C-alpha atoms as a PDB file:
ATOM      1  CA  MET A   1     306.736-109.418-122.117  1.00  0.00           C
ATOM      2  CA  LYS A   2     310.145-106.425-121.734  1.00  0.00           C
ATOM      3  CA  LYS A   3     310.611-104.206-119.021  1.00  0.00           C
ATOM      4  CA  PHE A   4     308.286-101.812-117.535  1.00  0.00           C
ATOM      5  CA  LEU A   5     308.857 -98.554-119.873  1.00  0.00           C
ATOM      6  CA  PHE A   6     308.296 -95.005-118.698  1.00  0.00           C
ATOM      7  CA  LEU A   7     309.713 -92.593-121.566  1.00  0.00           C
ATOM      8  CA  GLY A   8     313.358 -92.018-120.834  1.00  0.00           C
ATOM      9  CA  LEU A   9     313.483 -94.124-117.427  1.00  0.00           C
ATOM     10  CA  MET A  10     314.373 -97.770-118.291  1.00  0.00           C
ATOM     11  CA  SER A  11     312.959 -99.295-115.618  1.00  0.00           C
ATOM     12  CA  SER A  12     311.133 -99.731-118.204  1.00  0.00           C
ATOM     13  CA  VAL A  13     300.905 -99.122-122.592  1.00  0.00           C
ATOM     14  CA  VAL A  14     295.392 -98.236-123.294  1.00  0.00           C
ATOM     15  CA  PHE A  15     295.208 -96.811-127.016  1.00  0.00           C
ATOM     16  CA  PHE A  16     291.941 -96.224-127.710  1.00  0.00           C
ATOM     17  CA  ASN A  17     290.212 -92.335-127.383  1.00  0.00           C
ATOM     18  CA  SER A  18     287.359 -92.253-125.304  1.00  0.00           C
ATOM     19  CA  CYS A  19     285.462 -92.054-128.221  1.00  0.00           C
ATOM     20  CA  SER A  20     286.224 -95.907-128.477  1.00  0.00           C
ATOM     21  CA  SER A  21     283.842 -98.921-128.683  1.00  0.00           C
ATOM     22  CA  ASN A  22     287.160-100.072-127.049  1.00  0.00           C
ATOM     23  CA  ASP A  23     287.159 -97.892-123.972  1.00  0.00           C
ATOM     24  CA  ASP A  24     286.559-102.076-122.335  1.00  0.00           C
ATOM     25  CA  ASN A  25     290.600-102.653-122.813  1.00  0.00           C
ATOM     26  CA  GLU A  26     291.091 -99.969-119.069  1.00  0.00           C
ATOM     27  CA  GLY A  27     289.232-103.165-117.703  1.00  0.00           C
ATOM     28  CA  ASN A  28     286.101-103.853-117.074  1.00  0.00           C
ATOM     29  CA  ASN A  29     283.648-100.745-115.012  1.00  0.00           C
ATOM     30  CA  THR A  30     283.300-101.929-111.915  1.00  0.00           C
ATOM     31  CA  SER A  31     283.136-100.162-108.869  1.00  0.00           C
ATOM     32  CA  ALA A  32     286.659-101.972-107.878  1.00  0.00           C
ATOM     33  CA  LYS A  33     289.567-102.538-110.294  1.00  0.00           C
ATOM     34  CA  VAL A  34     292.537-104.612-109.679  1.00  0.00           C
ATOM     35  CA  LEU A  35     295.681-102.616-109.599  1.00  0.00           C
ATOM     36  CA  LEU A  36     298.958-103.408-110.497  1.00  0.00           C
ATOM     37  CA  SER A  37     301.257-102.758-107.741  1.00  0.00           C
ATOM     38  CA  LYS A  38     304.922-104.555-107.508  1.00  0.00           C
ATOM     39  CA  VAL A  39     306.339-106.000-110.427  1.00  0.00           C
ATOM     40  CA  THR A  40     309.575-107.913-110.140  1.00  0.00           C
ATOM     41  CA  ILE A  41     311.438-108.740-112.955  1.00  0.00           C
ATOM     42  CA  VAL A  42     314.887-111.477-112.807  1.00  0.00           C
ATOM     43  CA  TYR A  43     316.367-111.052-116.223  1.00  0.00           C
ATOM     44  CA  TYR A  44     318.561-114.042-117.204  1.00  0.00           C
ATOM     45  CA  ASP A  45     321.184-112.547-119.824  1.00  0.00           C
ATOM     46  CA  ASN A  46     323.798-113.690-118.176  1.00  0.00           C
ATOM     47  CA  PRO A  47     322.329-116.684-116.020  1.00  0.00           C
ATOM     48  CA  SER A  48     325.436-117.118-113.598  1.00  0.00           C
ATOM     49  CA  GLN A  49     324.635-113.136-112.381  1.00  0.00           C
ATOM     50  CA  PRO A  50     320.622-112.623-112.911  1.00  0.00           C
ATOM     51  CA  GLN A  51     319.871-109.194-112.409  1.00  0.00           C
ATOM     52  CA  THR A  52     316.573-108.040-110.390  1.00  0.00           C
ATOM     53  CA  SER A  53     314.326-104.769-111.074  1.00  0.00           C
ATOM     54  CA  ILE A  54     312.173-103.940-109.094  1.00  0.00           C
ATOM     55  CA  GLN A  55     309.467-100.964-109.019  1.00  0.00           C
ATOM     56  CA  THR A  56     306.033-100.035-107.023  1.00  0.00           C
ATOM     57  CA  LEU A  57     303.376 -98.406-108.236  1.00  0.00           C
ATOM     58  CA  GLU A  58     301.351 -96.213-106.262  1.00  0.00           C
ATOM     59  CA  TYR A  59     297.311 -94.283-106.770  1.00  0.00           C
ATOM     60  CA  ASN A  60     295.628 -91.359-106.161  1.00  0.00           C
ATOM     61  CA  ASN A  61     291.531 -91.950-104.186  1.00  0.00           C
ATOM     62  CA  GLN A  62     290.103 -92.112-107.872  1.00  0.00           C
ATOM     63  CA  GLY A  63     292.945 -94.837-108.831  1.00  0.00           C
ATOM     64  CA  GLU A  64     295.250 -92.937-111.190  1.00  0.00           C
ATOM     65  CA  LEU A  65     298.861 -93.602-111.353  1.00  0.00           C
ATOM     66  CA  ILE A  66     300.034 -91.079-109.426  1.00  0.00           C
ATOM     67  CA  LYS A  67     304.140 -92.811-108.945  1.00  0.00           C
ATOM     68  CA  THR A  68     305.981 -95.565-109.145  1.00  0.00           C
ATOM     69  CA  THR A  69     309.186 -96.503-107.422  1.00  0.00           C
ATOM     70  CA  SER A  70     312.152 -98.057-108.426  1.00  0.00           C
ATOM     71  CA  ALA A  71     316.350 -98.551-108.108  1.00  0.00           C
ATOM     72  CA  LEU A  72     316.625 -96.209-110.853  1.00  0.00           C
ATOM     73  CA  GLY A  73     314.245 -93.704-109.345  1.00  0.00           C
ATOM     74  CA  THR A  74     311.476 -92.394-108.627  1.00  0.00           C
ATOM     75  CA  SER A  75     308.418 -91.193-111.346  1.00  0.00           C
ATOM     76  CA  LYS A  76     305.588 -88.997-110.647  1.00  0.00           C
ATOM     77  CA  PHE A  77     302.306 -88.431-112.378  1.00  0.00           C
ATOM     78  CA  GLU A  78     300.186 -84.958-112.893  1.00  0.00           C
ATOM     79  CA  TYR A  79     296.365 -85.039-113.972  1.00  0.00           C
ATOM     80  CA  SER A  80     293.827 -82.564-115.430  1.00  0.00           C
ATOM     81  CA  ASN A  81     290.413 -84.485-116.364  1.00  0.00           C
ATOM     82  CA  GLY A  82     291.779 -88.213-116.285  1.00  0.00           C
ATOM     83  CA  LYS A  83     293.885 -86.797-119.217  1.00  0.00           C
ATOM     84  CA  PRO A  84     298.300 -86.854-117.874  1.00  0.00           C
ATOM     85  CA  THR A  85     299.797 -83.424-118.474  1.00  0.00           C
ATOM     86  CA  LYS A  86     303.386 -83.866-116.710  1.00  0.00           C
ATOM     87  CA  THR A  87     305.639 -86.873-115.392  1.00  0.00           C
ATOM     88  CA  THR A  88     308.668 -85.712-113.066  1.00  0.00           C
ATOM     89  CA  TYR A  89     311.263 -88.107-112.925  1.00  0.00           C
ATOM     90  CA  TYR A  90     314.393 -87.988-109.943  1.00  0.00           C
ATOM     91  CA  LYS A  91     316.622 -89.746-109.301  1.00  0.00           C
ATOM     92  CA  PRO A  92     317.730 -91.688-106.795  1.00  0.00           C
ATOM     93  CA  ASP A  93     318.996 -89.126-104.502  1.00  0.00           C
ATOM     94  CA  GLY A  94     316.003 -87.242-105.123  1.00  0.00           C
ATOM     95  CA  THR A  95     316.705 -84.484-107.645  1.00  0.00           C
ATOM     96  CA  VAL A  96     314.723 -83.819-110.739  1.00  0.00           C
ATOM     97  CA  ASP A  97     316.087 -85.566-113.779  1.00  0.00           C
ATOM     98  CA  TYR A  98     313.892 -84.163-116.198  1.00  0.00           C
ATOM     99  CA  TYR A  99     310.230 -84.398-116.857  1.00  0.00           C
ATOM    100  CA  SER A 100     307.726 -84.509-119.931  1.00  0.00           C
ATOM    101  CA  ALA A 101     304.969 -83.423-120.827  1.00  0.00           C
ATOM    102  CA  TYR A 102     301.859 -84.355-122.325  1.00  0.00           C
ATOM    103  CA  SER A 103     300.073 -82.818-125.561  1.00  0.00           C
ATOM    104  CA  TYR A 104     296.667 -83.680-126.833  1.00  0.00           C
ATOM    105  CA  ASN A 105     294.521 -83.461-129.797  1.00  0.00           C
ATOM    106  CA  GLY A 106     290.741 -83.647-128.241  1.00  0.00           C
ATOM    107  CA  ASP A 107     290.943 -87.212-127.220  1.00  0.00           C
ATOM    108  CA  LEU A 108     294.022 -88.666-128.662  1.00  0.00           C
ATOM    109  CA  LEU A 109     297.327 -87.935-127.599  1.00  0.00           C
ATOM    110  CA  THR A 110     299.826 -86.607-130.196  1.00  0.00           C
ATOM    111  CA  THR A 111     303.122 -86.123-128.648  1.00  0.00           C
ATOM    112  CA  VAL A 112     304.470 -86.530-125.578  1.00  0.00           C
ATOM    113  CA  LYS A 113     307.371 -84.723-125.156  1.00  0.00           C
ATOM    114  CA  ALA A 114     310.726 -84.706-122.399  1.00  0.00           C
ATOM    115  CA  ILE A 115     312.762 -82.203-121.155  1.00  0.00           C
ATOM    116  CA  TYR A 116     315.550 -81.836-119.252  1.00  0.00           C
ATOM    117  CA  THR A 117     316.320 -78.687-117.854  1.00  0.00           C
ATOM    118  CA  THR A 118     319.683 -78.349-116.905  1.00  0.00           C
ATOM    119  CA  ASN A 119     321.097 -80.171-120.030  1.00  0.00           C
ATOM    120  CA  PRO A 120     318.457 -79.226-123.411  1.00  0.00           C
ATOM    121  CA  ASP A 121     320.527 -81.741-125.377  1.00  0.00           C
ATOM    122  CA  TYR A 122     318.789 -84.205-124.031  1.00  0.00           C
ATOM    123  CA  ASN A 123     315.987 -83.614-125.229  1.00  0.00           C
ATOM    124  CA  ARG A 124     313.361 -85.909-127.277  1.00  0.00           C
ATOM    125  CA  THR A 125     310.045 -85.835-128.944  1.00  0.00           C
ATOM    126  CA  ILE A 126     307.631 -89.314-129.137  1.00  0.00           C
ATOM    127  CA  THR A 127     304.698 -88.265-131.898  1.00  0.00           C
ATOM    128  CA  TYR A 128     301.498 -90.612-132.102  1.00  0.00           C
ATOM    129  CA  ASN A 129     299.603 -91.707-135.082  1.00  0.00           C
ATOM    130  CA  TYR A 130     296.143 -93.877-134.794  1.00  0.00           C
ATOM    131  CA  ASN A 131     293.616 -95.421-137.118  1.00  0.00           C
ATOM    132  CA  THR A 132     290.159 -95.351-137.033  1.00  0.00           C
ATOM    133  CA  ASN A 133     289.515 -97.118-133.926  1.00  0.00           C
ATOM    134  CA  GLY A 134     291.494 -95.454-131.820  1.00  0.00           C
ATOM    135  CA  GLN A 135     294.904 -97.851-131.652  1.00  0.00           C
ATOM    136  CA  VAL A 136     298.462 -96.559-131.994  1.00  0.00           C
ATOM    137  CA  ILE A 137     299.829 -97.545-135.294  1.00  0.00           C
ATOM    138  CA  SER A 138     302.465 -96.033-134.883  1.00  0.00           C
ATOM    139  CA  SER A 139     305.109 -93.878-132.813  1.00  0.00           C
ATOM    140  CA  SER A 140     308.310 -91.449-134.134  1.00  0.00           C
ATOM    141  CA  LEU A 141     310.739 -90.288-131.262  1.00  0.00           C
ATOM    142  CA  CYS A 142     313.120 -87.516-132.044  1.00  0.00           C
ATOM    143  CA  GLN A 143     316.547 -87.525-130.312  1.00  0.00           C
ATOM    144  CA  SER A 144     317.557 -83.884-131.513  1.00  0.00           C
ATOM    145  CA  PRO A 145     315.398 -80.782-133.202  1.00  0.00           C
ATOM    146  CA  ALA A 146     316.537 -81.972-136.686  1.00  0.00           C
ATOM    147  CA  CYS A 147     314.983 -85.241-136.204  1.00  0.00           C
ATOM    148  CA  SER A 148     317.211 -86.334-138.971  1.00  0.00           C
ATOM    149  CA  ASN A 149     316.979 -90.198-137.192  1.00  0.00           C
ATOM    150  CA  PRO A 150     314.239 -90.796-135.758  1.00  0.00           C
ATOM    151  CA  ILE A 151     313.613 -94.647-134.201  1.00  0.00           C
ATOM    152  CA  VAL A 152     309.998 -95.073-135.796  1.00  0.00           C
ATOM    153  CA  ASP A 153     308.051 -97.972-134.407  1.00  0.00           C
ATOM    154  CA  THR A 154     304.834 -99.515-136.524  1.00  0.00           C
ATOM    155  CA  TYR A 155     301.548-101.155-134.846  1.00  0.00           C
ATOM    156  CA  THR A 156     299.694-103.847-136.812  1.00  0.00           C
ATOM    157  CA  TYR A 157     296.735-105.372-134.847  1.00  0.00           C
ATOM    158  CA  ASP A 158     294.333-108.554-134.297  1.00  0.00           C
ATOM    159  CA  GLY A 159     291.543-106.957-131.930  1.00  0.00           C
ATOM    160  CA  ASN A 160     292.542-105.617-129.188  1.00  0.00           C
ATOM    161  CA  ASN A 161     296.398-106.955-129.155  1.00  0.00           C
ATOM    162  CA  ILE A 162     299.168-106.058-131.433  1.00  0.00           C
ATOM    163  CA  SER A 163     300.013-108.778-133.340  1.00  0.00           C
ATOM    164  CA  THR A 164     303.121-107.095-135.348  1.00  0.00           C
ATOM    165  CA  GLU A 165     306.035-104.959-133.862  1.00  0.00           C
ATOM    166  CA  ILE A 166     308.260-104.007-136.186  1.00  0.00           C
ATOM    167  CA  SER A 167     310.931-100.854-134.994  1.00  0.00           C
ATOM    168  CA  GLU A 168     313.577 -99.233-137.545  1.00  0.00           C
ATOM    169  CA  GLY A 169     315.922 -96.353-137.359  1.00  0.00           C
ATOM    170  CA  GLY A 170     317.609 -94.408-134.850  1.00  0.00           C
ATOM    171  CA  GLY A 171     320.863 -94.486-137.492  1.00  0.00           C
ATOM    172  CA  SER A 172     320.303 -97.885-137.061  1.00  0.00           C
ATOM    173  CA  SER A 173     321.524-100.465-140.524  1.00  0.00           C
ATOM    174  CA  TYR A 174     318.823-103.495-138.480  1.00  0.00           C
ATOM    175  CA  SER A 175     315.449-104.039-138.282  1.00  0.00           C
ATOM    176  CA  THR A 176     313.260-106.098-135.670  1.00  0.00           C
ATOM    177  CA  LYS A 177     309.601-106.950-135.865  1.00  0.00           C
ATOM    178  CA  ILE A 178     308.494-109.191-132.783  1.00  0.00           C
ATOM    179  CA  VAL A 179     304.980-111.432-134.094  1.00  0.00           C
ATOM    180  CA  TYR A 180     302.848-112.297-131.037  1.00  0.00           C
ATOM    181  CA  SER A 181     300.819-114.772-130.047  1.00  0.00           C
ATOM    182  CA  TYR A 182     298.363-114.486-126.702  1.00  0.00           C
ATOM    183  CA  ASP A 183     296.060-116.416-124.327  1.00  0.00           C
ATOM    184  CA  ASP A 184     292.796-115.489-123.240  1.00  0.00           C
ATOM    185  CA  LYS A 185     293.434-113.526-120.036  1.00  0.00           C
ATOM    186  CA  GLN A 186     293.895-110.024-118.889  1.00  0.00           C
ATOM    187  CA  ASN A 187     296.856-107.569-118.852  1.00  0.00           C
ATOM    188  CA  PRO A 188     298.800-106.965-115.864  1.00  0.00           C
ATOM    189  CA  TYR A 189     298.640-103.234-117.207  1.00  0.00           C
ATOM    190  CA  ILE A 190     294.487-103.172-118.177  1.00  0.00           C
ATOM    191  CA  ASN A 191     293.234-100.466-115.425  1.00  0.00           C
ATOM    192  CA  ILE A 192     296.571 -98.447-115.835  1.00  0.00           C
ATOM    193  CA  ASN A 193     294.665 -94.641-117.568  1.00  0.00           C
ATOM    194  CA  LYS A 194     294.872 -95.550-121.086  1.00  0.00           C
ATOM    195  CA  TYR A 195     297.636 -92.534-122.297  1.00  0.00           C
ATOM    196  CA  LEU A 196     300.590 -93.849-119.752  1.00  0.00           C
ATOM    197  CA  LYS A 197     299.956 -96.965-121.908  1.00  0.00           C
ATOM    198  CA  ILE A 198     300.251 -95.489-124.945  1.00  0.00           C
ATOM    199  CA  MET A 199     303.342 -93.877-123.789  1.00  0.00           C
ATOM    200  CA  MET A 200     305.288 -96.668-122.419  1.00  0.00           C
ATOM    201  CA  GLY A 201     304.342 -98.355-125.553  1.00  0.00           C
ATOM    202  CA  ARG A 202     304.631-101.608-126.977  1.00  0.00           C
ATOM    203  CA  ALA A 203     302.553-105.625-126.017  1.00  0.00           C
ATOM    204  CA  TYR A 204     303.736-106.191-123.089  1.00  0.00           C
ATOM    205  CA  ALA A 205     301.109-103.232-122.071  1.00  0.00           C
ATOM    206  CA  VAL A 206     299.244-101.806-125.018  1.00  0.00           C
ATOM    207  CA  SER A 207     297.173-105.252-125.728  1.00  0.00           C
ATOM    208  CA  GLN A 208     294.532-106.655-123.774  1.00  0.00           C
ATOM    209  CA  ASN A 209     296.184-109.930-123.284  1.00  0.00           C
ATOM    210  CA  ASN A 210     299.102-111.534-122.566  1.00  0.00           C
ATOM    211  CA  TYR A 211     301.621-112.432-125.006  1.00  0.00           C
ATOM    212  CA  LEU A 212     302.662-116.399-125.226  1.00  0.00           C
ATOM    213  CA  THR A 213     304.689-116.084-127.900  1.00  0.00           C
ATOM    214  CA  GLU A 214     307.385-113.710-129.395  1.00  0.00           C
ATOM    215  CA  LYS A 215     309.168-114.521-132.904  1.00  0.00           C
ATOM    216  CA  ILE A 216     312.025-112.050-133.280  1.00  0.00           C
ATOM    217  CA  SER A 217     313.464-111.797-136.657  1.00  0.00           C
ATOM    218  CA  TYR A 218     316.187-108.713-137.268  1.00  0.00           C
ATOM    219  CA  LYS A 219     316.116-107.204-141.880  1.00  0.00           C
ATOM    220  CA  SER A 220     319.708-106.995-143.115  1.00  0.00           C
ATOM    221  CA  ASN A 221     320.016-105.204-146.285  1.00  0.00           C
ATOM    222  CA  GLY A 222     316.187-106.129-146.495  1.00  0.00           C
ATOM    223  CA  VAL A 223     315.898-109.081-145.890  1.00  0.00           C
ATOM    224  CA  TRP A 224     313.814-110.318-142.417  1.00  0.00           C
ATOM    225  CA  THR A 225     315.238-113.256-140.541  1.00  0.00           C
ATOM    226  CA  GLN A 226     313.614-114.692-137.416  1.00  0.00           C
ATOM    227  CA  ASN A 227     315.867-116.668-135.911  1.00  0.00           C
ATOM    228  CA  GLN A 228     314.435-115.798-131.991  1.00  0.00           C
ATOM    229  CA  THR A 229     312.058-116.952-130.442  1.00  0.00           C
ATOM    230  CA  ARG A 230     310.422-116.641-126.939  1.00  0.00           C
ATOM    231  CA  THR A 231     308.437-118.516-125.064  1.00  0.00           C
ATOM    232  CA  SER A 232     305.838-117.673-122.222  1.00  0.00           C
ATOM    233  CA  THR A 233     304.603-119.689-119.348  1.00  0.00           C
ATOM    234  CA  ILE A 234     301.915-118.020-116.961  1.00  0.00           C
ATOM    235  CA  GLN A 235     300.136-118.764-113.788  1.00  0.00           C
ATOM    236  CA  TYR A 236     297.256-116.766-112.618  1.00  0.00           C
ATOM    237  CA  ASN A 237     294.794-115.499-110.511  1.00  0.00           C
ATOM    238  CA  SER A 238     291.576-116.754-109.162  1.00  0.00           C
ATOM    239  CA  ALA A 239     290.296-113.555-110.539  1.00  0.00           C
ATOM    240  CA  GLY A 240     292.276-114.296-113.343  1.00  0.00           C
ATOM    241  CA  TYR A 241     295.919-111.490-113.920  1.00  0.00           C
ATOM    242  CA  PRO A 242     299.203-113.031-114.185  1.00  0.00           C
ATOM    243  CA  THR A 243     300.934-113.113-111.025  1.00  0.00           C
ATOM    244  CA  GLU A 244     303.722-115.156-112.674  1.00  0.00           C
ATOM    245  CA  VAL A 245     305.322-114.411-115.973  1.00  0.00           C
ATOM    246  CA  ILE A 246     308.006-116.907-117.044  1.00  0.00           C
ATOM    247  CA  SER A 247     309.735-116.426-120.768  1.00  0.00           C
ATOM    248  CA  LYS A 248     312.079-118.420-121.608  1.00  0.00           C
ATOM    249  CA  GLU A 249     314.060-119.405-125.032  1.00  0.00           C
ATOM    250  CA  ALA A 250     313.838-122.358-127.819  1.00  0.00           C
ATOM    251  CA  ASN A 251     316.519-123.652-126.905  1.00  0.00           C
ATOM    252  CA  GLY A 252     315.228-123.882-122.901  1.00  0.00           C
ATOM    253  CA  ASN A 253     317.303-120.927-121.287  1.00  0.00           C
ATOM    254  CA  LEU A 254     315.285-118.951-118.952  1.00  0.00           C
ATOM    255  CA  SER A 255     314.889-115.446-120.826  1.00  0.00           C
ATOM    256  CA  ALA A 256     313.363-113.423-117.893  1.00  0.00           C
ATOM    257  CA  LYS A 257     310.837-114.413-114.820  1.00  0.00           C
ATOM    258  CA  TYR A 258     308.072-111.561-114.159  1.00  0.00           C
ATOM    259  CA  THR A 259     306.000-111.750-111.045  1.00  0.00           C
ATOM    260  CA  TYR A 260     302.964-109.345-110.244  1.00  0.00           C
ATOM    261  CA  GLU A 261     301.680-108.028-107.284  1.00  0.00           C
ATOM    262  CA  TYR A 262     297.673-106.214-106.835  1.00  0.00           C
ATOM    263  CA  ILE A 263     295.739-104.467-104.825  1.00  0.00           C
ATOM    264  CA  THR A 264     291.566-103.706-104.935  1.00  0.00           C
ATOM    265  CA  GLN A 265     290.850-100.222-104.861  1.00  0.00           C
END
């Protein structure tokens, strides 16, 4: 698992267009939806001083995510016909930090632009590419108008799950590759708007199921070397949704603990 990530709001995912036969990845089409309402993450990067992050999620009567809140600030989401059009990010003091604008080609999300009205040098754009199944296969993050050092993430799939995730660029000489294995249970983010999950990105939210292992490799001078493995132990509620995930490194040390809470709407 990873941080719950909205574009540029680091507190921290579906990826099929509405014509895809895999739209079930946004949850079962039932009258009541299970919606993620709170995520608590404890990070053990420094075991003697673990860091805790808490994020709450709020929805409208249609089950659309309209607000997230954490110690880093608040995000508010606007929609048109089921498609996010704008996200406004607020600092903890309530002032606007920046906003994101969404662009589409038919039913495919093509770009998300982060716009800082008071500091345009921070503006950035993410562009998405898809396979014929409507699954995101790559995203490119440009952090300058010239886009001289884009960060490119590429994805390969096994069914509805990301099997391999590669991140390269951004001016760094190192690249990262993660290979995943999964359970067969619903992902906590399964019923969040599919376009928001594209924007959030990565396997922790885009995939239909929950990953159990992460085999992490780094590339230096063109050579991939795997030097890290994480394993997750997951507890589920009676509906099969994760309630607690404990992630450990290969040596048994804690990496992170995730706690998920839900509402039914």
